[in-house]
């Protein structure tokens, strides 16, 4: 429960940063990651293997950010690495799918309303926050 609140709070703070400044504060992510590792040492609700493999989707996004010259934000990859520490691989991929689905639906809505352009940057972390909230509300064991 504590880990859920910490991750939800971190995603909430990063959502506001991503909306306002189009960037995240890495120190907050690092601090939250350290807390996640310490919580794992105390409660051991997942193995080190699950924590490390959970960071792989974020590492993939970081690689895509480098390959696409920043079309995908490095901060998104860093945040996905953080969520992977807390959730493990399977739940992190589920979160990723939910966030991308929500962002895609919102992007289509903006295009239909003619309030957005096809190549306009859109913050992703708010959709991670919403997706994580939906996972909690739907009863996914976290």
Protein backbone atom coordinates (compact mmCIF):
# COMPACT_ATOMS: atom_id res chain seq x y z
CA UNK A 1 0.00 0.00 0.00
CA UNK A 2 2.82 2.40 0.87
CA UNK A 3 4.57 1.64 -2.41
CA UNK A 4 1.34 2.29 -4.32
CA UNK A 5 0.97 5.70 -2.67
CA UNK A 6 4.61 6.62 -3.30
CA UNK A 7 4.42 5.70 -6.98
CA UNK A 8 1.04 7.41 -7.44
CA UNK A 9 2.38 10.56 -5.76
CA UNK A 10 5.53 10.55 -7.88
CA UNK A 11 3.51 10.11 -11.07
CA UNK A 12 1.21 12.93 -9.95
CA UNK A 13 4.11 15.33 -9.42
CA UNK A 14 5.71 14.30 -12.72
CA UNK A 15 2.37 14.75 -14.50
CA UNK A 16 2.17 18.36 -13.42
CA UNK A 17 5.78 18.94 -14.44
CA UNK A 18 5.24 17.28 -17.81
CA UNK A 19 2.14 19.36 -18.54
CA UNK A 20 3.68 22.67 -17.42
CA UNK A 21 7.32 22.36 -18.44
CA UNK A 22 7.42 19.39 -20.87
CA UNK A 23 10.14 17.82 -18.70
CA UNK A 24 10.50 15.95 -15.42
CA UNK A 25 12.82 16.43 -12.47
CA UNK A 26 15.19 13.45 -12.44
CA UNK A 27 16.01 13.99 -8.75
CA UNK A 28 12.41 13.21 -7.80
CA UNK A 29 12.51 10.06 -9.92
CA UNK A 30 15.84 9.01 -8.42
CA UNK A 31 14.58 9.60 -4.88
CA UNK A 32 11.42 7.62 -5.58
CA UNK A 33 13.49 4.82 -7.12
CA UNK A 34 15.72 4.63 -4.03
CA UNK A 35 12.63 4.49 -1.82
CA UNK A 36 11.24 1.71 -4.04
CA UNK A 37 14.41 -0.34 -3.65
CA UNK A 38 14.43 0.23 0.12
CA UNK A 39 10.77 -0.79 0.33
CA UNK A 40 11.62 -3.95 -1.57
CA UNK A 41 14.36 -4.74 0.94
CA UNK A 42 11.86 -4.28 3.79
CA UNK A 43 8.78 -6.03 2.36
CA UNK A 44 10.22 -8.24 -0.42
CA UNK A 45 6.97 -8.35 -2.41
CA UNK A 46 8.85 -9.02 -5.66
CA UNK A 47 12.23 -10.44 -6.57
CA UNK A 48 15.24 -8.45 -7.70
CA UNK A 49 14.83 -10.21 -11.06
CA UNK A 50 11.26 -8.81 -11.38
CA UNK A 51 12.45 -5.33 -10.46
CA UNK A 52 15.29 -5.38 -12.97
CA UNK A 53 13.26 -6.88 -15.82
CA UNK A 54 10.54 -4.34 -15.03
CA UNK A 55 12.91 -1.58 -16.07
CA UNK A 56 13.42 -3.04 -19.57
CA UNK A 57 10.45 -1.26 -21.23
CA UNK A 58 11.81 2.06 -19.93
CA UNK A 59 15.27 1.21 -21.23
CA UNK A 60 13.67 0.45 -24.61
CA UNK A 61 11.99 3.84 -24.63
CA UNK A 62 15.31 5.51 -23.76
CA UNK A 63 16.86 3.72 -26.74
CA UNK A 64 13.98 4.85 -28.98
CA UNK A 65 14.49 8.40 -27.74
CA UNK A 66 18.12 8.27 -28.88
CA UNK A 67 17.24 6.69 -32.23
CA UNK A 68 14.45 9.20 -32.96
CA UNK A 69 16.51 12.23 -31.86
CA UNK A 70 14.18 13.03 -28.99
CA UNK A 71 10.79 12.56 -30.71
CA UNK A 72 10.04 10.35 -27.73
CA UNK A 73 11.13 12.01 -24.51
CA UNK A 74 13.95 10.58 -22.42
CA UNK A 75 11.96 11.49 -19.34
CA UNK A 76 9.22 9.08 -20.41
CA UNK A 77 11.78 6.27 -20.52
CA UNK A 78 13.13 7.22 -17.11
CA UNK A 79 9.63 7.25 -15.61
CA UNK A 80 8.86 3.85 -17.19
CA UNK A 81 12.06 2.51 -15.61
CA UNK A 82 10.80 3.80 -12.26
CA UNK A 83 7.37 2.21 -12.67
CA UNK A 84 9.11 -1.03 -13.62
CA UNK A 85 11.00 -1.03 -10.31
CA UNK A 86 7.70 -0.86 -8.46
CA UNK A 87 5.53 -3.04 -10.73
CA UNK A 88 7.75 -5.60 -12.41
CA UNK A 89 7.72 -6.44 -16.11
CA UNK A 90 4.16 -7.69 -16.64
CA UNK A 91 2.37 -4.91 -14.80
CA UNK A 92 4.68 -2.28 -16.29
CA UNK A 93 3.80 -3.49 -19.80
CA UNK A 94 0.12 -3.38 -18.82
CA UNK A 95 0.59 0.19 -17.58
CA UNK A 96 2.41 1.08 -20.79
CA UNK A 97 -0.46 -0.29 -22.91
CA UNK A 98 -3.09 1.57 -20.89
CA UNK A 99 -1.11 4.84 -21.02
CA UNK A 100 -0.51 4.59 -24.78
CA UNK A 101 -4.19 3.77 -25.36
CA UNK A 102 -5.34 6.76 -23.29
CA UNK A 103 -2.82 9.07 -24.99
CA UNK A 104 -3.85 7.81 -28.43
CA UNK A 105 -7.55 8.36 -27.77
CA UNK A 106 -6.84 11.85 -26.43
CA UNK A 107 -4.61 12.64 -29.41
CA UNK A 108 -7.31 11.55 -31.85
CA UNK A 109 -9.82 13.67 -29.94
CA UNK A 110 -7.52 16.71 -30.26
CA UNK A 111 -7.10 16.11 -34.00
CA UNK A 112 -10.85 15.79 -34.51
CA UNK A 113 -11.42 18.98 -32.53
CA UNK A 114 -8.67 20.62 -34.63
CA UNK A 115 -6.87 21.70 -31.48
CA UNK A 116 -3.74 19.72 -32.19
CA UNK A 117 -1.37 19.04 -35.05
CA UNK A 118 -0.21 15.60 -36.12
CA UNK A 119 3.42 16.22 -35.14
CA UNK A 120 2.76 18.22 -31.96
CA UNK A 121 4.39 16.94 -28.76
CA UNK A 122 2.01 15.69 -26.11
CA UNK A 123 2.98 14.90 -22.50
CA UNK A 124 2.81 11.17 -21.72
CA UNK A 125 3.25 11.08 -17.94
CA UNK A 126 -0.30 12.34 -17.19
CA UNK A 127 -1.61 9.30 -19.05
CA UNK A 128 0.71 7.09 -16.98
CA UNK A 129 -0.79 8.66 -13.86
CA UNK A 130 -4.33 8.04 -15.13
CA UNK A 131 -3.45 4.53 -16.23
CA UNK A 132 -1.93 3.68 -12.87
CA UNK A 133 -5.02 5.07 -11.15
CA UNK A 134 -7.21 2.87 -13.35
CA UNK A 135 -5.07 -0.15 -12.48
CA UNK A 136 -5.53 0.58 -8.78
CA UNK A 137 -9.28 1.13 -9.14
CA UNK A 138 -9.73 -2.02 -11.20
CA UNK A 139 -8.13 -4.11 -8.46
CA UNK A 140 -4.87 -5.08 -10.15
CA UNK A 141 -2.67 -6.34 -7.33
CA UNK A 142 0.26 -3.97 -7.15
